[in-house]
Amino acid sequence: MKTKIHEIPSVSNDPNNPNGLNDLSDLNVSVIGAGGWGTTLGNLLATKGISVKIWSYEQETVDHINNLHKNPQYLPNIALSPNLKAYSKLESVVPNSDVIVFAVPSAFVRSMAQKIAPLFLPDKEYKLVSVSKGLEYDTFKLMSEVLREVLPENVKVAALSGPNLSKEVAMGQPTATVIASIHEEILPGLVSLFHTKTFKPYALTDERGIEICGAVKNITAIAVGICDGLNLGDNSKGSIITLGLTEMNRIGKHFGCARKTFFGIAGVGDLIATCSSKLSRNRSYGQKLAEGKTFAQIKEEMHGMVAEGVWAAKSVHQFAIQNGINLPLTTQIYKILHEDKPMKDAISDLLSLI
């Protein structure tokens, strides 16, 4: 499918929106997953005057959001809109929703989709926006593919990805993102829904492309973090980032994605942000690992937040082996994370290929 990139006017500038998302007061929005990114997106929509329901499996998080209008574990020091209400039961957030933001770690996408699948009403159309990043291990399916396989046909899936560090978005700092779907007809309404003065979405039809970008950039960010932890300098990091972009393109070519997707907001844009920012969980994970900290120590320091690149490295590495794709960066990060290869040896082997 030919990739299309087009800017859509915001809700306030588009009073004749044909997609039924213009009257925000009548819109039911839910978020599945109250981590940092799920909470940020839920709050972004809630500040537009939308009543947003967010689900969390942690009762403490539910109580903090409802009683204190904060999520101190995953989004500290950010005041949340009173329009954001938290629930601990999926039955309370799914059935009557018009739009669902699906924000769970990639390792749990299938199991969570299986839990919510029976909750969708058969005579209603839903739009589900996935912000999960990665390839499913063993099946090597992208998150949108897993969701379409499990959820009923009246749920139209889209993916959102870009240089979107949750804390910066939550603070209202200017940000661009990409929303992509094979269901092109739902894109204008979704772009209008998420559009704010500081959060600007663009629409693409290359759904696979932006999902691949979202998975591979996390692996690259771990590698850059390792370089930081080993004090290897900016020249080494520049080479590593270039390799990451190359591997995005190689995997994307296998999936038939548009090359220009990888040089856009969801590709180069997200790669730069994730690899350079101290707010990046994946870059921080690599740095802490290189400093000698254990997986358990890192998990505790990151307050239980997931570094998706750890699992993406495993899935993408196995996928590359089965399909004969040369991914030296992914291979070395996989060996560090899952085969205990010494980091200095892995980085040395990697840089010798440049």
Protein backbone atom coordinates (compact mmCIF):
# COMPACT_ATOMS: atom_id res chain seq x y z
CA MET A 1 0.00 0.00 0.00
CA LYS A 2 1.40 3.40 -0.94
CA THR A 3 2.24 5.51 2.08
CA LYS A 4 0.32 8.74 2.45
CA ILE A 5 1.31 11.57 4.77
CA HIS A 6 -1.15 14.37 5.29
CA GLU A 7 -1.85 16.93 7.98
CA ILE A 8 -5.40 17.05 9.31
CA PRO A 9 -6.93 20.23 10.78
CA SER A 10 -7.61 20.30 14.48
CA VAL A 11 -11.11 19.81 15.85
CA SER A 12 -11.61 23.54 16.39
CA ASN A 13 -10.80 24.28 12.74
CA ASP A 14 -12.85 21.45 11.32
CA PRO A 15 -16.51 21.89 12.33
CA ASN A 16 -17.70 19.55 9.58
CA ASN A 17 -15.60 16.58 10.67
CA PRO A 18 -17.27 13.61 8.94
CA ASN A 19 -15.86 11.02 11.32
CA GLY A 20 -18.12 11.65 14.27
CA LEU A 21 -15.39 12.80 16.66
CA ASN A 22 -16.20 16.49 16.65
CA ASP A 23 -18.56 16.68 19.63
CA LEU A 24 -16.10 15.92 22.41
CA SER A 25 -18.73 16.16 25.13
CA ASP A 26 -20.46 13.06 23.75
CA LEU A 27 -17.26 11.08 23.15
CA ASN A 28 -16.40 8.13 25.39
CA VAL A 29 -12.66 7.53 25.60
CA SER A 30 -10.90 4.83 27.59
CA VAL A 31 -7.27 3.99 28.24
CA ILE A 32 -6.09 0.46 28.96
CA GLY A 33 -2.92 0.77 31.00
CA ALA A 34 -2.01 3.50 33.50
CA GLY A 35 1.73 3.57 33.01
CA GLY A 36 3.53 6.77 32.10
CA TRP A 37 2.45 6.91 28.45
CA GLY A 38 -1.09 5.70 29.00
CA THR A 39 -1.62 8.23 31.77
CA THR A 40 -0.10 11.01 29.67
CA LEU A 41 -2.37 10.38 26.69
CA GLY A 42 -5.41 9.96 28.91
CA ASN A 43 -4.64 13.26 30.60
CA LEU A 44 -3.98 14.99 27.27
CA LEU A 45 -7.50 14.08 26.14
CA ALA A 46 -9.04 14.84 29.52
CA THR A 47 -7.66 18.39 29.41
CA LYS A 48 -9.65 18.88 26.19
CA GLY A 49 -12.83 18.45 28.20
CA ILE A 50 -13.34 14.77 27.40
CA SER A 51 -14.38 12.39 30.16
CA VAL A 52 -11.67 9.73 30.04
CA LYS A 53 -11.71 6.40 31.85
CA ILE A 54 -8.35 4.75 32.54
CA TRP A 55 -7.83 1.16 33.70
CA SER A 56 -5.03 0.03 35.98
CA TYR A 57 -4.43 -3.36 37.56
CA GLU A 58 -2.87 -1.59 40.55
CA GLN A 59 -5.47 -0.38 43.05
CA GLU A 60 -2.96 2.07 44.49
CA THR A 61 -2.65 3.77 41.11
CA VAL A 62 -6.44 3.90 40.78
CA ASP A 63 -6.71 5.56 44.19
CA HIS A 64 -3.97 8.09 43.49
CA ILE A 65 -5.55 9.16 40.19
CA ASN A 66 -9.06 9.44 41.62
CA ASN A 67 -8.26 10.99 44.99
CA LEU A 68 -5.08 12.99 44.40
CA HIS A 69 -5.23 13.52 40.62
CA LYS A 70 -1.68 12.20 40.38
CA ASN A 71 0.15 9.07 39.27
CA PRO A 72 3.32 9.32 41.38
CA GLN A 73 4.76 5.94 40.39
CA TYR A 74 4.66 6.39 36.62
CA LEU A 75 4.22 10.15 36.08
CA PRO A 76 5.56 11.97 39.14
CA ASN A 77 5.05 15.70 39.71
CA ILE A 78 2.34 16.00 37.02
CA ALA A 79 -1.13 17.23 38.01
CA LEU A 80 -3.87 15.25 36.29
CA SER A 81 -7.21 16.56 35.05
CA PRO A 82 -10.26 15.73 37.17
CA ASN A 83 -11.82 14.53 33.89
CA LEU A 84 -9.52 11.49 34.11
CA LYS A 85 -11.16 8.77 36.19
CA ALA A 86 -9.45 5.48 37.06
CA TYR A 87 -10.99 2.01 37.36
CA SER A 88 -9.73 -1.43 38.32
CA LYS A 89 -12.31 -3.41 36.33
CA LEU A 90 -12.11 -3.70 32.55
CA GLU A 91 -15.89 -4.03 32.39
CA SER A 92 -16.11 -0.44 33.60
CA VAL A 93 -14.06 1.06 30.76
CA VAL A 94 -14.41 -1.00 27.57
CA PRO A 95 -18.04 -1.63 26.45
CA ASN A 96 -19.32 1.94 26.04
CA SER A 97 -16.12 3.45 24.66
CA ASP A 98 -15.88 5.05 21.23
CA VAL A 99 -12.08 5.27 21.25
CA ILE A 100 -9.72 3.10 23.29
CA VAL A 101 -6.04 3.87 23.84
CA PHE A 102 -4.28 0.54 24.29
CA ALA A 103 -1.15 1.17 26.37
CA VAL A 104 0.19 -2.10 27.76
CA PRO A 105 3.71 -3.55 27.38
CA SER A 106 4.17 -5.62 24.22
CA ALA A 107 4.70 -8.84 26.18
CA PHE A 108 1.12 -8.57 27.50
CA VAL A 109 -0.70 -7.34 24.40
CA ARG A 110 -2.19 -10.71 23.39
CA SER A 111 -3.28 -11.70 26.90
CA MET A 112 -4.86 -8.30 27.54
CA ALA A 113 -6.58 -8.32 24.15
CA GLN A 114 -8.04 -11.73 24.99
CA LYS A 115 -9.42 -10.31 28.25
CA ILE A 116 -11.16 -7.34 26.64
CA ALA A 117 -12.36 -9.10 23.45
CA PRO A 118 -15.63 -10.37 24.99
CA LEU A 119 -16.44 -6.89 26.34
CA PHE A 120 -17.03 -5.21 22.98
CA LEU A 121 -20.68 -4.76 22.03
CA PRO A 122 -21.51 -6.42 18.68
CA ASP A 123 -23.62 -3.57 17.26
CA LYS A 124 -21.11 -0.77 17.87
CA GLU A 125 -17.96 0.35 16.01
CA TYR A 126 -14.85 1.00 18.05
CA LYS A 127 -11.57 2.71 17.28
CA LEU A 128 -8.56 1.35 19.15
CA VAL A 129 -5.24 3.20 19.14
CA SER A 130 -2.29 1.00 20.06
CA VAL A 131 0.79 2.62 21.59
CA SER A 132 2.49 -0.70 22.41
CA LYS A 133 5.86 -1.25 20.72
CA GLY A 134 7.51 -4.50 19.68
CA LEU A 135 7.23 -7.81 17.85
CA GLU A 136 5.44 -10.69 19.51
CA TYR A 137 7.93 -13.41 20.35
CA ASP A 138 7.51 -16.72 18.45
CA THR A 139 4.86 -15.38 16.05
CA PHE A 140 6.84 -12.22 15.12
CA LYS A 141 3.59 -10.37 14.60
CA LEU A 142 3.37 -6.61 15.04
CA MET A 143 1.10 -5.34 17.79
CA SER A 144 -1.61 -4.23 15.36
CA GLU A 145 -1.62 -7.71 13.83
CA VAL A 146 -2.00 -9.36 17.23
CA LEU A 147 -4.87 -7.04 18.11
CA ARG A 148 -6.72 -7.68 14.85
CA GLU A 149 -6.28 -11.41 15.29
CA VAL A 150 -7.81 -11.40 18.79
CA LEU A 151 -10.35 -8.57 18.77
CA PRO A 152 -13.73 -8.62 16.94
CA GLU A 153 -14.03 -7.13 13.46
CA ASN A 154 -15.97 -4.09 14.65
CA VAL A 155 -12.80 -2.83 16.38
CA LYS A 156 -10.73 -0.77 13.93
CA VAL A 157 -7.09 -0.62 14.98
CA ALA A 158 -4.58 2.21 14.55
CA ALA A 159 -1.07 2.75 15.91
CA LEU A 160 0.44 5.90 17.42
CA SER A 161 4.21 6.38 17.54
CA GLY A 162 6.81 9.13 17.43
CA PRO A 163 9.38 11.08 19.46
CA ASN A 164 7.00 11.17 22.41
CA LEU A 165 8.76 11.11 25.77
CA SER A 166 5.83 10.95 28.15
CA LYS A 167 7.09 13.48 30.69
CA GLU A 168 7.68 16.14 28.01
CA VAL A 169 4.22 15.57 26.51
CA ALA A 170 2.66 15.70 29.97
CA MET A 171 4.43 19.02 30.62
CA GLY A 172 2.97 20.47 27.41
CA GLN A 173 6.24 20.72 25.51
CA PRO A 174 5.83 20.85 21.69
CA THR A 175 5.64 17.37 20.20
CA ALA A 176 4.83 15.75 16.87
CA THR A 177 3.59 12.19 16.46
CA VAL A 178 2.20 9.83 13.83
CA ILE A 179 -1.08 7.94 13.78
CA ALA A 180 -1.24 5.17 11.20
CA SER A 181 -3.82 2.60 10.18
CA ILE A 182 -4.82 0.44 7.25
CA HIS A 183 -8.31 1.85 7.88
CA GLU A 184 -7.60 5.20 6.27
CA GLU A 185 -11.14 6.45 6.88
CA ILE A 186 -10.62 6.61 10.66
CA LEU A 187 -7.42 8.68 10.52
CA PRO A 188 -8.87 12.21 10.16
CA GLY A 189 -11.05 11.79 13.23
CA LEU A 190 -8.24 10.33 15.34
CA VAL A 191 -5.80 13.07 14.33
CA SER A 192 -8.42 15.67 15.28
CA LEU A 193 -9.05 13.93 18.59
CA PHE A 194 -5.41 13.94 19.70
CA HIS A 195 -4.52 17.34 18.27
CA THR A 196 -3.70 20.08 20.79
CA LYS A 197 -1.70 23.30 20.67
CA THR A 198 1.40 21.38 21.71
CA PHE A 199 0.72 17.83 20.47
CA LYS A 200 0.50 17.59 16.69
CA PRO A 201 -0.35 14.24 15.05
CA TYR A 202 0.16 13.40 11.38
CA ALA A 203 -1.62 10.62 9.50
CA LEU A 204 0.05 7.77 7.63
CA THR A 205 -1.21 4.57 6.09
CA ASP A 206 2.13 2.79 6.65
CA GLU A 207 1.04 1.19 9.90
CA ARG A 208 3.66 -1.55 9.79
CA GLY A 209 6.38 0.99 9.13
CA ILE A 210 5.80 3.07 12.25
CA GLU A 211 5.45 -0.06 14.39
CA ILE A 212 8.81 -1.37 13.18
CA CYS A 213 10.35 2.02 13.93
CA GLY A 214 8.92 1.89 17.44
CA ALA A 215 10.38 -1.57 18.11
CA VAL A 216 13.87 -1.17 16.64
CA LYS A 217 14.61 2.29 18.04
CA ASN A 218 14.36 0.89 21.56
CA ILE A 219 17.08 -1.67 20.84
CA THR A 220 19.29 1.09 19.47
CA ALA A 221 18.65 3.23 22.54
CA ILE A 222 19.86 0.44 24.84
CA ALA A 223 23.06 0.25 22.78
CA VAL A 224 23.54 4.03 23.05
CA GLY A 225 22.98 3.83 26.80
CA ILE A 226 25.66 1.16 27.04
CA CYS A 227 28.03 3.48 25.17
CA ASP A 228 27.26 6.19 27.73
CA GLY A 229 27.83 3.81 30.62
CA LEU A 230 31.19 2.77 29.15
CA ASN A 231 32.14 6.40 28.36
CA LEU A 232 32.77 5.62 24.70
CA GLY A 233 31.99 9.11 23.44
CA ASP A 234 29.67 10.72 20.91
CA ASN A 235 31.44 9.39 17.83
CA SER A 236 30.65 5.82 18.84
CA LYS A 237 27.06 6.75 19.62
CA GLY A 238 26.68 8.40 16.23
CA SER A 239 27.80 5.20 14.55
CA ILE A 240 25.46 3.11 16.68
CA ILE A 241 22.47 5.32 15.82
CA THR A 242 23.32 5.06 12.12
CA LEU A 243 23.37 1.27 12.41
CA GLY A 244 19.99 1.39 14.14
CA LEU A 245 18.50 3.36 11.26
CA THR A 246 19.99 0.89 8.78
CA GLU A 247 18.41 -2.03 10.63
CA MET A 248 15.03 -0.28 10.68
CA ASN A 249 15.24 -0.06 6.90
CA ARG A 250 16.27 -3.70 6.49
CA ILE A 251 13.36 -5.00 8.54
CA GLY A 252 10.98 -2.55 6.92
CA LYS A 253 12.00 -3.73 3.47
CA HIS A 254 11.14 -7.29 4.47
CA PHE A 255 7.66 -6.14 5.57
CA GLY A 256 7.14 -4.06 2.43
CA CYS A 257 7.10 -0.74 4.29
CA ALA A 258 7.68 2.66 2.68
CA ARG A 259 11.30 3.75 2.99
CA LYS A 260 10.36 7.37 3.68
CA THR A 261 8.57 6.31 6.86
CA PHE A 262 11.94 5.55 8.42
CA PHE A 263 13.23 9.02 7.62
CA GLY A 264 10.20 10.75 9.11
CA ILE A 265 8.86 11.58 12.56
CA ALA A 266 8.25 7.98 13.63
CA GLY A 267 11.65 6.85 12.31
CA VAL A 268 14.59 9.24 12.59
CA GLY A 269 12.63 11.58 14.86
CA ASP A 270 11.85 8.93 17.45
CA LEU A 271 15.29 7.33 17.10
CA ILE A 272 17.04 10.61 17.95
CA ALA A 273 14.76 11.40 20.89
CA THR A 274 14.96 7.92 22.40
CA CYS A 275 18.72 7.62 22.00
CA SER A 276 19.63 11.10 23.24
CA SER A 277 17.24 11.86 26.09
CA LYS A 278 17.90 11.15 29.75
CA LEU A 279 14.14 10.59 30.02
CA SER A 280 14.36 7.54 27.73
CA ARG A 281 13.80 4.33 29.68
CA ASN A 282 15.69 2.25 27.12
CA ARG A 283 18.74 4.50 26.98
CA SER A 284 18.75 4.65 30.80
CA TYR A 285 18.47 0.86 30.97
CA GLY A 286 21.56 0.41 28.80
CA GLN A 287 23.53 2.94 30.80
CA LYS A 288 22.64 1.38 34.14
CA LEU A 289 23.51 -2.07 32.77
CA ALA A 290 26.92 -0.84 31.65
CA GLU A 291 27.48 0.64 35.09
CA GLY A 292 27.20 -2.87 36.52
CA LYS A 293 23.68 -2.85 37.90
CA THR A 294 21.57 -6.01 37.84
CA PHE A 295 18.20 -6.45 36.15
CA ALA A 296 16.49 -6.40 39.56
CA GLN A 297 18.30 -3.21 40.60
CA ILE A 298 17.43 -1.46 37.35
CA LYS A 299 13.77 -2.49 37.61
CA GLU A 300 13.60 -1.06 41.13
CA GLU A 301 15.30 2.20 40.10
CA MET A 302 12.93 2.56 37.15
CA HIS A 303 9.92 2.11 39.50
CA GLY A 304 8.77 -1.02 37.68
CA MET A 305 8.59 0.67 34.28
CA VAL A 306 9.41 -1.52 31.29
CA ALA A 307 12.35 -1.04 28.94
CA GLU A 308 10.66 -2.48 25.85
CA GLY A 309 13.96 -2.86 24.01
CA VAL A 310 14.93 -5.81 26.24
CA TRP A 311 12.13 -7.95 24.82
CA ALA A 312 12.26 -6.38 21.36
CA ALA A 313 15.91 -7.44 21.03
CA LYS A 314 14.92 -11.06 21.63
CA SER A 315 12.01 -11.04 19.19
CA VAL A 316 13.74 -9.08 16.43
CA HIS A 317 16.90 -11.19 16.72
CA GLN A 318 15.00 -14.46 16.30
CA PHE A 319 12.97 -12.98 13.45
CA ALA A 320 16.17 -11.90 11.69
CA ILE A 321 17.71 -15.36 12.01
CA GLN A 322 14.63 -17.09 10.59
CA ASN A 323 14.41 -14.67 7.67
CA GLY A 324 18.10 -14.25 6.87
CA ILE A 325 18.26 -10.53 7.71
CA ASN A 326 21.67 -9.21 8.77
CA LEU A 327 21.16 -7.14 11.95
CA PRO A 328 24.56 -6.84 13.71
CA LEU A 329 23.40 -4.22 16.23
CA THR A 330 20.37 -6.24 17.30
CA THR A 331 22.48 -9.40 17.46
CA GLN A 332 25.02 -7.88 19.85
CA ILE A 333 22.39 -6.31 22.10
CA TYR A 334 20.55 -9.64 22.19
CA LYS A 335 23.76 -11.39 23.25
CA ILE A 336 24.37 -8.85 26.01
CA LEU A 337 20.82 -9.03 27.35
CA HIS A 338 20.00 -12.70 26.90
CA GLU A 339 23.33 -14.57 26.60
CA ASP A 340 25.43 -12.58 29.11
CA LYS A 341 28.04 -11.54 26.57
CA PRO A 342 30.44 -8.96 28.09
CA MET A 343 29.38 -5.49 27.00
CA LYS A 344 32.83 -4.31 26.02
CA ASP A 345 33.29 -7.34 23.77
CA ALA A 346 29.89 -6.86 22.14
CA ILE A 347 30.41 -3.16 21.49
CA SER A 348 33.93 -3.82 20.18
CA ASP A 349 32.60 -6.47 17.79
CA LEU A 350 29.88 -4.11 16.70
CA LEU A 351 32.10 -1.09 16.10
CA SER A 352 34.56 -3.22 14.15
CA LEU A 353 31.86 -3.65 11.50
CA ILE A 354 31.46 0.09 10.93
